[in-house]
PDB file of N, CA and C in Angstrom:
ATOM      1  N   UNK A   1       0.915  -1.045  -0.288  1.00  0.00           N
ATOM      2  CA  UNK A   1      -0.145   0.061  -0.010  1.00  0.00           C
ATOM      3  C   UNK A   1       0.864   1.234   0.204  1.00  0.00           C
ATOM      4  N   UNK A   2       0.141   2.378  -0.285  1.00  0.00           N
ATOM      5  CA  UNK A   2       0.743   3.861   0.228  1.00  0.00           C
ATOM      6  C   UNK A   2       1.183   4.052   1.544  1.00  0.00           C
ATOM      7  N   UNK A   3       2.161   4.714   1.452  1.00  0.00           N
ATOM      8  CA  UNK A   3       2.538   5.190   2.726  1.00  0.00           C
ATOM      9  C   UNK A   3       1.800   6.479   3.064  1.00  0.00           C
ATOM     10  N   UNK A   4       1.415   6.435   4.574  1.00  0.00           N
ATOM     11  CA  UNK A   4       0.870   7.407   5.393  1.00  0.00           C
ATOM     12  C   UNK A   4       1.476   8.714   5.375  1.00  0.00           C
ATOM     13  N   UNK A   5       1.365  10.184   5.081  1.00  0.00           N
ATOM     14  CA  UNK A   5       1.809  10.990   5.385  1.00  0.00           C
ATOM     15  C   UNK A   5       0.656  12.221   6.028  1.00  0.00           C
ATOM     16  N   UNK A   6       1.033  12.709   7.000  1.00  0.00           N
ATOM     17  CA  UNK A   6       0.264  13.445   7.818  1.00  0.00           C
ATOM     18  C   UNK A   6      -1.220  13.194   7.695  1.00  0.00           C
ATOM     19  N   UNK A   7      -1.695  11.876   7.959  1.00  0.00           N
ATOM     20  CA  UNK A   7      -2.853  11.570   8.020  1.00  0.00           C
ATOM     21  C   UNK A   7      -3.757  11.022   6.293  1.00  0.00           C
ATOM     22  N   UNK A   8      -2.765  11.559   5.646  1.00  0.00           N
ATOM     23  CA  UNK A   8      -3.357  11.190   3.781  1.00  0.00           C
ATOM     24  C   UNK A   8      -2.363  10.268   3.098  1.00  0.00           C
ATOM     25  N   UNK A   9      -2.995   9.352   2.430  1.00  0.00           N
ATOM     26  CA  UNK A   9      -1.935   8.735   1.302  1.00  0.00           C
ATOM     27  C   UNK A   9      -1.077   9.587   0.638  1.00  0.00           C
ATOM     28  N   UNK A  10      -0.221   8.972   0.003  1.00  0.00           N
ATOM     29  CA  UNK A  10       0.570   9.621  -1.113  1.00  0.00           C
ATOM     30  C   UNK A  10      -0.102   9.807  -2.057  1.00  0.00           C
ATOM     31  N   UNK A  11      -1.117   8.272  -2.478  1.00  0.00           N
ATOM     32  CA  UNK A  11      -1.977   8.411  -3.676  1.00  0.00           C
ATOM     33  C   UNK A  11      -3.257   9.259  -3.760  1.00  0.00           C
ATOM     34  N   UNK A  12      -3.895   9.725  -2.219  1.00  0.00           N
ATOM     35  CA  UNK A  12      -4.913  10.825  -2.347  1.00  0.00           C
ATOM     36  C   UNK A  12      -4.519  11.862  -2.349  1.00  0.00           C
ATOM     37  N   UNK A  13      -3.196  12.506  -2.365  1.00  0.00           N
ATOM     38  CA  UNK A  13      -2.526  13.629  -2.381  1.00  0.00           C
ATOM     39  C   UNK A  13      -2.438  13.714  -3.762  1.00  0.00           C
ATOM     40  N   UNK A  14      -1.608  12.726  -4.339  1.00  0.00           N
ATOM     41  CA  UNK A  14      -1.445  12.667  -6.055  1.00  0.00           C
ATOM     42  C   UNK A  14      -2.855  12.925  -6.707  1.00  0.00           C
ATOM     43  N   UNK A  15      -3.759  12.248  -6.297  1.00  0.00           N
ATOM     44  CA  UNK A  15      -4.847  12.164  -6.846  1.00  0.00           C
ATOM     45  C   UNK A  15      -5.514  13.635  -7.208  1.00  0.00           C
ATOM     46  N   UNK A  16      -5.567  14.384  -5.866  1.00  0.00           N
ATOM     47  CA  UNK A  16      -6.204  15.988  -5.789  1.00  0.00           C
ATOM     48  C   UNK A  16      -5.385  16.473  -6.468  1.00  0.00           C
ATOM     49  N   UNK A  17      -4.138  16.572  -6.754  1.00  0.00           N
ATOM     50  CA  UNK A  17      -3.011  17.317  -7.256  1.00  0.00           C
ATOM     51  C   UNK A  17      -3.451  17.315  -8.800  1.00  0.00           C
ATOM     52  N   UNK A  18      -3.400  15.813  -9.312  1.00  0.00           N
ATOM     53  CA  UNK A  18      -3.793  15.836 -10.730  1.00  0.00           C
ATOM     54  C   UNK A  18      -5.045  16.138 -11.128  1.00  0.00           C
ATOM     55  N   UNK A  19      -5.975  16.050 -10.234  1.00  0.00           N
ATOM     56  CA  UNK A  19      -7.440  16.171 -10.796  1.00  0.00           C
ATOM     57  C   UNK A  19      -7.388  17.529 -10.752  1.00  0.00           C
ATOM     58  N   UNK A  20      -6.904  18.684 -10.219  1.00  0.00           N
ATOM     59  CA  UNK A  20      -7.112  19.945 -10.017  1.00  0.00           C
ATOM     60  C   UNK A  20      -5.974  20.456 -11.145  1.00  0.00           C
ATOM     61  N   UNK A  21      -5.381  20.065 -11.794  1.00  0.00           N
ATOM     62  CA  UNK A  21      -4.402  20.027 -12.613  1.00  0.00           C
ATOM     63  C   UNK A  21      -5.319  19.794 -14.010  1.00  0.00           C
ATOM     64  N   UNK A  22      -5.551  18.758 -13.909  1.00  0.00           N
ATOM     65  CA  UNK A  22      -6.366  18.597 -14.868  1.00  0.00           C
ATOM     66  C   UNK A  22      -7.830  19.334 -15.533  1.00  0.00           C
ATOM     67  N   UNK A  23      -7.992  19.915 -14.376  1.00  0.00           N
ATOM     68  CA  UNK A  23      -9.327  21.024 -14.536  1.00  0.00           C
ATOM     69  C   UNK A  23      -8.689  22.238 -15.060  1.00  0.00           C
ATOM     70  N   UNK A  24      -7.361  22.849 -14.786  1.00  0.00           N
ATOM     71  CA  UNK A  24      -6.947  23.734 -14.968  1.00  0.00           C
ATOM     72  C   UNK A  24      -6.417  23.795 -16.568  1.00  0.00           C
ATOM     73  N   UNK A  25      -6.199  22.420 -17.008  1.00  0.00           N
ATOM     74  CA  UNK A  25      -5.634  22.317 -18.232  1.00  0.00           C
ATOM     75  C   UNK A  25      -6.874  22.299 -18.939  1.00  0.00           C
ATOM     76  N   UNK A  26      -7.477  21.851 -18.830  1.00  0.00           N
ATOM     77  CA  UNK A  26      -9.161  21.731 -19.456  1.00  0.00           C
ATOM     78  C   UNK A  26      -9.744  23.212 -19.626  1.00  0.00           C
ATOM     79  N   UNK A  27      -9.954  23.970 -18.724  1.00  0.00           N
ATOM     80  CA  UNK A  27     -10.458  25.337 -18.848  1.00  0.00           C
ATOM     81  C   UNK A  27      -9.170  26.090 -19.887  1.00  0.00           C
ATOM     82  N   UNK A  28      -7.984  26.094 -19.507  1.00  0.00           N
ATOM     83  CA  UNK A  28      -7.096  26.682 -20.297  1.00  0.00           C
ATOM     84  C   UNK A  28      -7.257  26.257 -21.699  1.00  0.00           C
ATOM     85  N   UNK A  29      -7.204  25.110 -22.166  1.00  0.00           N
ATOM     86  CA  UNK A  29      -7.339  24.721 -23.258  1.00  0.00           C
ATOM     87  C   UNK A  29      -8.999  25.176 -23.823  1.00  0.00           C
ATOM     88  N   UNK A  30      -9.773  24.991 -23.300  1.00  0.00           N
ATOM     89  CA  UNK A  30     -11.110  25.629 -23.741  1.00  0.00           C
ATOM     90  C   UNK A  30     -11.236  26.963 -24.167  1.00  0.00           C
ATOM     91  N   UNK A  31     -10.562  27.651 -23.263  1.00  0.00           N
ATOM     92  CA  UNK A  31     -10.454  29.128 -23.602  1.00  0.00           C
ATOM     93  C   UNK A  31      -9.613  29.540 -24.885  1.00  0.00           C
ATOM     94  N   UNK A  32      -8.675  28.539 -25.575  1.00  0.00           N
ATOM     95  CA  UNK A  32      -7.814  28.843 -26.733  1.00  0.00           C
ATOM     96  C   UNK A  32      -8.772  28.364 -27.816  1.00  0.00           C
ATOM     97  N   UNK A  33      -9.399  27.050 -27.172  1.00  0.00           N
ATOM     98  CA  UNK A  33     -10.306  27.064 -28.623  1.00  0.00           C
ATOM     99  C   UNK A  33     -11.765  27.742 -28.588  1.00  0.00           C
ATOM    100  N   UNK A  34     -12.123  28.350 -27.548  1.00  0.00           N
ATOM    101  CA  UNK A  34     -13.591  28.982 -27.563  1.00  0.00           C
ATOM    102  C   UNK A  34     -13.510  30.343 -27.067  1.00  0.00           C
ATOM    103  N   UNK A  35     -12.618  31.186 -27.280  1.00  0.00           N
ATOM    104  CA  UNK A  35     -11.961  32.350 -26.950  1.00  0.00           C
ATOM    105  C   UNK A  35     -13.667  33.375 -26.719  1.00  0.00           C
ATOM    106  N   UNK A  36     -14.351  33.278 -27.513  1.00  0.00           N
ATOM    107  CA  UNK A  36     -15.359  34.463 -27.649  1.00  0.00           C
ATOM    108  C   UNK A  36     -16.390  33.856 -26.427  1.00  0.00           C
ATOM    109  N   UNK A  37     -16.551  32.528 -26.386  1.00  0.00           N
ATOM    110  CA  UNK A  37     -17.429  32.197 -25.296  1.00  0.00           C
ATOM    111  C   UNK A  37     -17.229  32.330 -24.039  1.00  0.00           C
ATOM    112  N   UNK A  38     -15.494  32.611 -23.561  1.00  0.00           N
ATOM    113  CA  UNK A  38     -15.305  33.063 -22.765  1.00  0.00           C
ATOM    114  C   UNK A  38     -15.409  34.753 -22.625  1.00  0.00           C
ATOM    115  N   UNK A  39     -15.437  35.177 -23.562  1.00  0.00           N
ATOM    116  CA  UNK A  39     -14.898  36.850 -23.223  1.00  0.00           C
ATOM    117  C   UNK A  39     -15.976  37.675 -22.866  1.00  0.00           C
ATOM    118  N   UNK A  40     -17.262  36.655 -22.758  1.00  0.00           N
ATOM    119  CA  UNK A  40     -18.390  37.619 -22.097  1.00  0.00           C
ATOM    120  C   UNK A  40     -18.318  37.335 -20.256  1.00  0.00           C
ATOM    121  N   UNK A  41     -17.445  36.360 -19.907  1.00  0.00           N
ATOM    122  CA  UNK A  41     -17.269  36.488 -18.538  1.00  0.00           C
ATOM    123  C   UNK A  41     -16.324  37.765 -18.015  1.00  0.00           C
ATOM    124  N   UNK A  42     -16.051  38.507 -18.846  1.00  0.00           N
ATOM    125  CA  UNK A  42     -14.684  39.258 -18.574  1.00  0.00           C
ATOM    126  C   UNK A  42     -15.337  40.928 -18.304  1.00  0.00           C
ATOM    127  N   UNK A  43     -15.631  41.086 -17.082  1.00  0.00           N
ATOM    128  CA  UNK A  43     -16.419  42.319 -16.648  1.00  0.00           C
ATOM    129  C   UNK A  43     -15.553  43.478 -17.740  1.00  0.00           C
ATOM    130  N   UNK A  44     -16.381  44.386 -17.996  1.00  0.00           N
ATOM    131  CA  UNK A  44     -16.056  45.418 -18.888  1.00  0.00           C
ATOM    132  C   UNK A  44     -15.102  46.650 -18.098  1.00  0.00           C
ATOM    133  N   UNK A  45     -15.059  46.554 -17.095  1.00  0.00           N
ATOM    134  CA  UNK A  45     -14.057  47.426 -16.461  1.00  0.00           C
ATOM    135  C   UNK A  45     -12.425  47.049 -16.259  1.00  0.00           C
ATOM    136  N   UNK A  46     -12.706  45.638 -16.544  1.00  0.00           N
ATOM    137  CA  UNK A  46     -11.081  44.866 -17.108  1.00  0.00           C
ATOM    138  C   UNK A  46     -10.663  45.177 -17.997  1.00  0.00           C
ATOM    139  N   UNK A  47     -11.691  45.086 -19.155  1.00  0.00           N
ATOM    140  CA  UNK A  47     -11.480  45.058 -20.661  1.00  0.00           C
ATOM    141  C   UNK A  47     -11.230  46.259 -21.146  1.00  0.00           C
ATOM    142  N   UNK A  48     -11.528  47.288 -20.184  1.00  0.00           N
ATOM    143  CA  UNK A  48     -11.278  49.128 -20.296  1.00  0.00           C
ATOM    144  C   UNK A  48      -9.569  48.867 -19.667  1.00  0.00           C
ATOM    145  N   UNK A  49      -9.281  48.889 -18.966  1.00  0.00           N
ATOM    146  CA  UNK A  49      -7.942  49.219 -18.606  1.00  0.00           C
ATOM    147  C   UNK A  49      -6.894  47.735 -19.071  1.00  0.00           C
ATOM    148  N   UNK A  50      -7.092  46.850 -19.541  1.00  0.00           N
ATOM    149  CA  UNK A  50      -5.895  45.970 -20.026  1.00  0.00           C
ATOM    150  C   UNK A  50      -5.737  46.899 -21.454  1.00  0.00           C
ATOM    151  N   UNK A  51      -4.156  46.657 -21.595  1.00  0.00           N
ATOM    152  CA  UNK A  51      -3.528  47.124 -22.888  1.00  0.00           C
ATOM    153  C   UNK A  51      -3.730  46.357 -24.031  1.00  0.00           C
ATOM    154  N   UNK A  52      -4.249  45.502 -24.095  1.00  0.00           N
ATOM    155  CA  UNK A  52      -4.731  44.931 -25.316  1.00  0.00           C
ATOM    156  C   UNK A  52      -5.981  44.015 -25.419  1.00  0.00           C
ATOM    157  N   UNK A  53      -6.048  43.458 -26.378  1.00  0.00           N
ATOM    158  CA  UNK A  53      -7.731  43.234 -26.987  1.00  0.00           C
ATOM    159  C   UNK A  53      -8.389  42.241 -25.865  1.00  0.00           C
ATOM    160  N   UNK A  54      -9.425  42.031 -25.888  1.00  0.00           N
ATOM    161  CA  UNK A  54     -10.044  41.061 -24.614  1.00  0.00           C
ATOM    162  C   UNK A  54     -10.080  39.518 -25.329  1.00  0.00           C
ATOM    163  N   UNK A  55      -9.788  39.461 -26.464  1.00  0.00           N
ATOM    164  CA  UNK A  55      -9.317  37.631 -27.230  1.00  0.00           C
ATOM    165  C   UNK A  55      -7.977  37.661 -26.910  1.00  0.00           C
ATOM    166  N   UNK A  56      -7.278  38.653 -26.993  1.00  0.00           N
ATOM    167  CA  UNK A  56      -5.521  38.531 -26.322  1.00  0.00           C
ATOM    168  C   UNK A  56      -5.775  38.006 -24.644  1.00  0.00           C
ATOM    169  N   UNK A  57      -6.500  38.929 -24.215  1.00  0.00           N
ATOM    170  CA  UNK A  57      -6.454  38.580 -22.813  1.00  0.00           C
ATOM    171  C   UNK A  57      -6.906  36.898 -22.301  1.00  0.00           C
ATOM    172  N   UNK A  58      -8.174  36.666 -23.061  1.00  0.00           N
ATOM    173  CA  UNK A  58      -8.495  35.195 -22.701  1.00  0.00           C
ATOM    174  C   UNK A  58      -7.420  34.354 -23.323  1.00  0.00           C
ATOM    175  N   UNK A  59      -6.521  34.267 -24.223  1.00  0.00           N
ATOM    176  CA  UNK A  59      -5.348  33.678 -24.999  1.00  0.00           C
ATOM    177  C   UNK A  59      -4.714  33.303 -23.528  1.00  0.00           C
ATOM    178  N   UNK A  60      -4.208  34.520 -23.247  1.00  0.00           N
ATOM    179  CA  UNK A  60      -3.012  34.597 -21.953  1.00  0.00           C
ATOM    180  C   UNK A  60      -3.665  33.990 -20.516  1.00  0.00           C
ATOM    181  N   UNK A  61      -4.861  34.028 -20.580  1.00  0.00           N
ATOM    182  CA  UNK A  61      -5.504  33.426 -19.480  1.00  0.00           C
ATOM    183  C   UNK A  61      -5.535  31.922 -19.314  1.00  0.00           C
ATOM    184  N   UNK A  62      -5.594  31.374 -20.691  1.00  0.00           N
ATOM    185  CA  UNK A  62      -5.553  30.376 -21.198  1.00  0.00           C
ATOM    186  C   UNK A  62      -4.291  29.604 -21.573  1.00  0.00           C
ATOM    187  N   UNK A  63      -3.262  30.330 -21.821  1.00  0.00           N
ATOM    188  CA  UNK A  63      -2.268  29.698 -21.548  1.00  0.00           C
ATOM    189  C   UNK A  63      -1.922  29.792 -20.273  1.00  0.00           C
ATOM    190  N   UNK A  64      -1.973  31.053 -19.142  1.00  0.00           N
ATOM    191  CA  UNK A  64      -1.767  30.514 -18.261  1.00  0.00           C
ATOM    192  C   UNK A  64      -2.069  29.403 -17.121  1.00  0.00           C
ATOM    193  N   UNK A  65      -3.216  29.241 -17.478  1.00  0.00           N
ATOM    194  CA  UNK A  65      -4.024  28.007 -16.943  1.00  0.00           C
ATOM    195  C   UNK A  65      -3.457  26.525 -17.521  1.00  0.00           C
ATOM    196  N   UNK A  66      -3.128  26.686 -18.657  1.00  0.00           N
ATOM    197  CA  UNK A  66      -2.618  25.338 -19.348  1.00  0.00           C
ATOM    198  C   UNK A  66      -1.551  25.251 -18.441  1.00  0.00           C
ATOM    199  N   UNK A  67      -0.556  26.136 -18.591  1.00  0.00           N
ATOM    200  CA  UNK A  67       0.892  25.978 -17.615  1.00  0.00           C
ATOM    201  C   UNK A  67       0.470  25.596 -16.288  1.00  0.00           C
ATOM    202  N   UNK A  68      -0.455  26.133 -15.651  1.00  0.00           N
ATOM    203  CA  UNK A  68      -0.759  25.780 -14.217  1.00  0.00           C
ATOM    204  C   UNK A  68      -1.063  24.310 -14.177  1.00  0.00           C
ATOM    205  N   UNK A  69      -1.902  24.209 -15.014  1.00  0.00           N
ATOM    206  CA  UNK A  69      -2.202  22.568 -15.160  1.00  0.00           C
ATOM    207  C   UNK A  69      -1.402  21.552 -15.130  1.00  0.00           C
ATOM    208  N   UNK A  70      -0.470  21.665 -16.281  1.00  0.00           N
ATOM    209  CA  UNK A  70       0.714  20.929 -16.483  1.00  0.00           C
ATOM    210  C   UNK A  70       1.807  20.869 -15.246  1.00  0.00           C
ATOM    211  N   UNK A  71       1.825  21.945 -14.655  1.00  0.00           N
ATOM    212  CA  UNK A  71       2.690  21.726 -13.713  1.00  0.00           C
ATOM    213  C   UNK A  71       2.354  21.270 -12.625  1.00  0.00           C
ATOM    214  N   UNK A  72       1.132  21.035 -11.961  1.00  0.00           N
ATOM    215  CA  UNK A  72       0.544  20.165 -11.332  1.00  0.00           C
ATOM    216  C   UNK A  72       0.230  18.786 -11.322  1.00  0.00           C
ATOM    217  N   UNK A  73       0.021  19.047 -12.704  1.00  0.00           N
ATOM    218  CA  UNK A  73       0.056  17.378 -13.138  1.00  0.00           C
ATOM    219  C   UNK A  73       1.144  16.741 -12.981  1.00  0.00           C
ATOM    220  N   UNK A  74       2.280  17.701 -13.380  1.00  0.00           N
ATOM    221  CA  UNK A  74       3.421  16.547 -13.102  1.00  0.00           C
ATOM    222  C   UNK A  74       4.581  16.765 -11.770  1.00  0.00           C
ATOM    223  N   UNK A  75       3.608  17.584 -11.166  1.00  0.00           N
ATOM    224  CA  UNK A  75       4.285  17.708  -9.754  1.00  0.00           C
ATOM    225  C   UNK A  75       5.302  18.719  -9.563  1.00  0.00           C
ATOM    226  N   UNK A  76       5.550  19.447 -10.401  1.00  0.00           N
ATOM    227  CA  UNK A  76       6.534  20.527 -10.554  1.00  0.00           C
ATOM    228  C   UNK A  76       6.582  21.907  -9.688  1.00  0.00           C
ATOM    229  N   UNK A  77       7.129  22.152  -8.696  1.00  0.00           N
ATOM    230  CA  UNK A  77       6.972  23.272  -7.723  1.00  0.00           C
ATOM    231  C   UNK A  77       5.983  23.327  -7.428  1.00  0.00           C
ATOM    232  N   UNK A  78       4.804  22.408  -6.761  1.00  0.00           N
ATOM    233  CA  UNK A  78       3.576  22.035  -6.292  1.00  0.00           C
ATOM    234  C   UNK A  78       2.918  23.140  -5.503  1.00  0.00           C
ATOM    235  N   UNK A  79       3.794  23.521  -4.534  1.00  0.00           N
ATOM    236  CA  UNK A  79       3.252  24.500  -3.700  1.00  0.00           C
ATOM    237  C   UNK A  79       2.885  26.114  -4.066  1.00  0.00           C
ATOM    238  N   UNK A  80       3.855  26.456  -4.882  1.00  0.00           N
ATOM    239  CA  UNK A  80       4.177  27.447  -5.629  1.00  0.00           C
ATOM    240  C   UNK A  80       3.362  27.493  -6.974  1.00  0.00           C
ATOM    241  N   UNK A  81       3.210  26.645  -7.426  1.00  0.00           N
ATOM    242  CA  UNK A  81       1.932  26.575  -8.180  1.00  0.00           C
ATOM    243  C   UNK A  81       0.457  26.625  -7.888  1.00  0.00           C
ATOM    244  N   UNK A  82       0.449  26.027  -6.618  1.00  0.00           N
ATOM    245  CA  UNK A  82      -0.943  25.974  -5.931  1.00  0.00           C
ATOM    246  C   UNK A  82      -1.074  27.217  -5.350  1.00  0.00           C
ATOM    247  N   UNK A  83      -0.373  27.946  -4.956  1.00  0.00           N
ATOM    248  CA  UNK A  83      -0.585  29.756  -4.449  1.00  0.00           C
ATOM    249  C   UNK A  83      -0.889  30.353  -5.644  1.00  0.00           C
ATOM    250  N   UNK A  84      -0.458  30.097  -6.992  1.00  0.00           N
ATOM    251  CA  UNK A  84      -0.936  31.267  -8.147  1.00  0.00           C
ATOM    252  C   UNK A  84      -2.287  30.372  -8.573  1.00  0.00           C
ATOM    253  N   UNK A  85      -2.454  29.188  -8.428  1.00  0.00           N
ATOM    254  CA  UNK A  85      -3.857  29.071  -8.818  1.00  0.00           C
ATOM    255  C   UNK A  85      -4.741  29.266  -7.799  1.00  0.00           C
ATOM    256  N   UNK A  86      -4.553  29.346  -6.557  1.00  0.00           N
ATOM    257  CA  UNK A  86      -5.720  29.987  -5.543  1.00  0.00           C
ATOM    258  C   UNK A  86      -5.602  31.702  -5.568  1.00  0.00           C
ATOM    259  N   UNK A  87      -4.574  32.248  -6.286  1.00  0.00           N
ATOM    260  CA  UNK A  87      -4.469  33.746  -6.420  1.00  0.00           C
ATOM    261  C   UNK A  87      -5.559  33.795  -7.563  1.00  0.00           C
ATOM    262  N   UNK A  88      -5.322  32.753  -8.573  1.00  0.00           N
ATOM    263  CA  UNK A  88      -6.587  33.141  -9.806  1.00  0.00           C
ATOM    264  C   UNK A  88      -7.935  32.841  -9.412  1.00  0.00           C
ATOM    265  N   UNK A  89      -8.080  31.674  -8.693  1.00  0.00           N
ATOM    266  CA  UNK A  89      -9.449  31.696  -8.601  1.00  0.00           C
ATOM    267  C   UNK A  89      -9.719  32.977  -7.488  1.00  0.00           C
ATOM    268  N   UNK A  90      -8.992  33.487  -6.836  1.00  0.00           N
ATOM    269  CA  UNK A  90      -9.482  34.703  -5.998  1.00  0.00           C
ATOM    270  C   UNK A  90      -9.593  35.780  -6.800  1.00  0.00           C
ATOM    271  N   UNK A  91      -8.993  36.037  -7.734  1.00  0.00           N
ATOM    272  CA  UNK A  91      -9.012  36.862  -8.855  1.00  0.00           C
ATOM    273  C   UNK A  91     -10.670  36.837  -9.758  1.00  0.00           C
ATOM    274  N   UNK A  92     -10.991  35.494  -9.877  1.00  0.00           N
ATOM    275  CA  UNK A  92     -12.079  35.331 -10.595  1.00  0.00           C
ATOM    276  C   UNK A  92     -13.337  35.783  -9.256  1.00  0.00           C
ATOM    277  N   UNK A  93     -13.096  35.590  -8.393  1.00  0.00           N
ATOM    278  CA  UNK A  93     -14.255  35.925  -7.499  1.00  0.00           C
ATOM    279  C   UNK A  93     -14.336  37.408  -7.512  1.00  0.00           C
ATOM    280  N   UNK A  94     -13.290  37.890  -7.186  1.00  0.00           N
ATOM    281  CA  UNK A  94     -13.051  39.402  -7.127  1.00  0.00           C
ATOM    282  C   UNK A  94     -13.690  39.863  -8.459  1.00  0.00           C
ATOM    283  N   UNK A  95     -13.381  39.553  -9.658  1.00  0.00           N
ATOM    284  CA  UNK A  95     -13.749  40.138 -10.627  1.00  0.00           C
ATOM    285  C   UNK A  95     -15.458  39.965 -11.388  1.00  0.00           C
ATOM    286  N   UNK A  96     -15.658  38.715 -10.897  1.00  0.00           N
ATOM    287  CA  UNK A  96     -16.769  38.724 -11.426  1.00  0.00           C
ATOM    288  C   UNK A  96     -17.784  38.338 -10.396  1.00  0.00           C
ATOM    289  N   UNK A  97     -17.382  38.491  -9.032  1.00  0.00           N
ATOM    290  CA  UNK A  97     -18.411  38.285  -7.899  1.00  0.00           C
ATOM    291  C   UNK A  97     -18.617  37.077  -7.842  1.00  0.00           C
ATOM    292  N   UNK A  98     -19.276  36.704  -6.530  1.00  0.00           N
ATOM    293  CA  UNK A  98     -19.479  35.667  -5.642  1.00  0.00           C
ATOM    294  C   UNK A  98     -20.750  35.070  -6.161  1.00  0.00           C
ATOM    295  N   UNK A  99     -21.185  34.118  -7.108  1.00  0.00           N
ATOM    296  CA  UNK A  99     -22.326  33.477  -7.646  1.00  0.00           C
ATOM    297  C   UNK A  99     -22.033  32.177  -7.733  1.00  0.00           C
ATOM    298  N   UNK A 100     -23.053  31.636  -8.661  1.00  0.00           N
ATOM    299  CA  UNK A 100     -23.148  30.319  -8.773  1.00  0.00           C
ATOM    300  C   UNK A 100     -21.898  29.690  -9.590  1.00  0.00           C
ATOM    301  N   UNK A 101     -21.425  30.538 -10.727  1.00  0.00           N
ATOM    302  CA  UNK A 101     -20.409  30.098 -11.646  1.00  0.00           C
ATOM    303  C   UNK A 101     -19.197  30.024 -10.283  1.00  0.00           C
ATOM    304  N   UNK A 102     -18.675  30.899  -9.918  1.00  0.00           N
ATOM    305  CA  UNK A 102     -17.492  31.072  -9.002  1.00  0.00           C
ATOM    306  C   UNK A 102     -17.455  29.895  -7.767  1.00  0.00           C
ATOM    307  N   UNK A 103     -18.778  29.638  -7.157  1.00  0.00           N
ATOM    308  CA  UNK A 103     -18.881  28.708  -6.462  1.00  0.00           C
ATOM    309  C   UNK A 103     -18.584  27.249  -6.903  1.00  0.00           C
ATOM    310  N   UNK A 104     -19.116  27.145  -8.389  1.00  0.00           N
ATOM    311  CA  UNK A 104     -18.519  25.742  -9.288  1.00  0.00           C
ATOM    312  C   UNK A 104     -17.254  25.972  -9.183  1.00  0.00           C
ATOM    313  N   UNK A 105     -16.523  26.843  -9.689  1.00  0.00           N
ATOM    314  CA  UNK A 105     -14.791  27.128 -10.252  1.00  0.00           C
ATOM    315  C   UNK A 105     -14.347  26.879  -8.779  1.00  0.00           C
ATOM    316  N   UNK A 106     -14.454  27.267  -7.882  1.00  0.00           N
ATOM    317  CA  UNK A 106     -13.916  27.300  -6.471  1.00  0.00           C
ATOM    318  C   UNK A 106     -13.894  25.733  -6.087  1.00  0.00           C
TER     319      UNK A 106
END
C-alpha cells in the first residue's frame, strides 16, 4: 500500500493534485479553442484597463491555466503553483463576484 503522510496517503494527495491540474488544463484549453465564449465573462471594467484586446486577454488566461495545470499534473513546484492557482481563483471571484459560477469554479 501507499505510505501515510500526515493522515493522507500519497495516492490521495497525488489524485487531488492531478485532478485539479486536469481541471485547470481543460479550462485553459477551452479558452484557446473558444475564446469568444469566455470573453463574455470578463467584466467591462477589466477590458477597459488592459492594454490589449479582450481576445488576447482570454488567450493569455488560457495559456496561464494550461501551464498551471501541466505543472500540477507533473508535480513541479507544487506549493508555488498551488499558490498561483489560488490567487487566480481569488481574482475570478473578485472580478465576476461570488455567484453560482464562482462557487462551481472554486
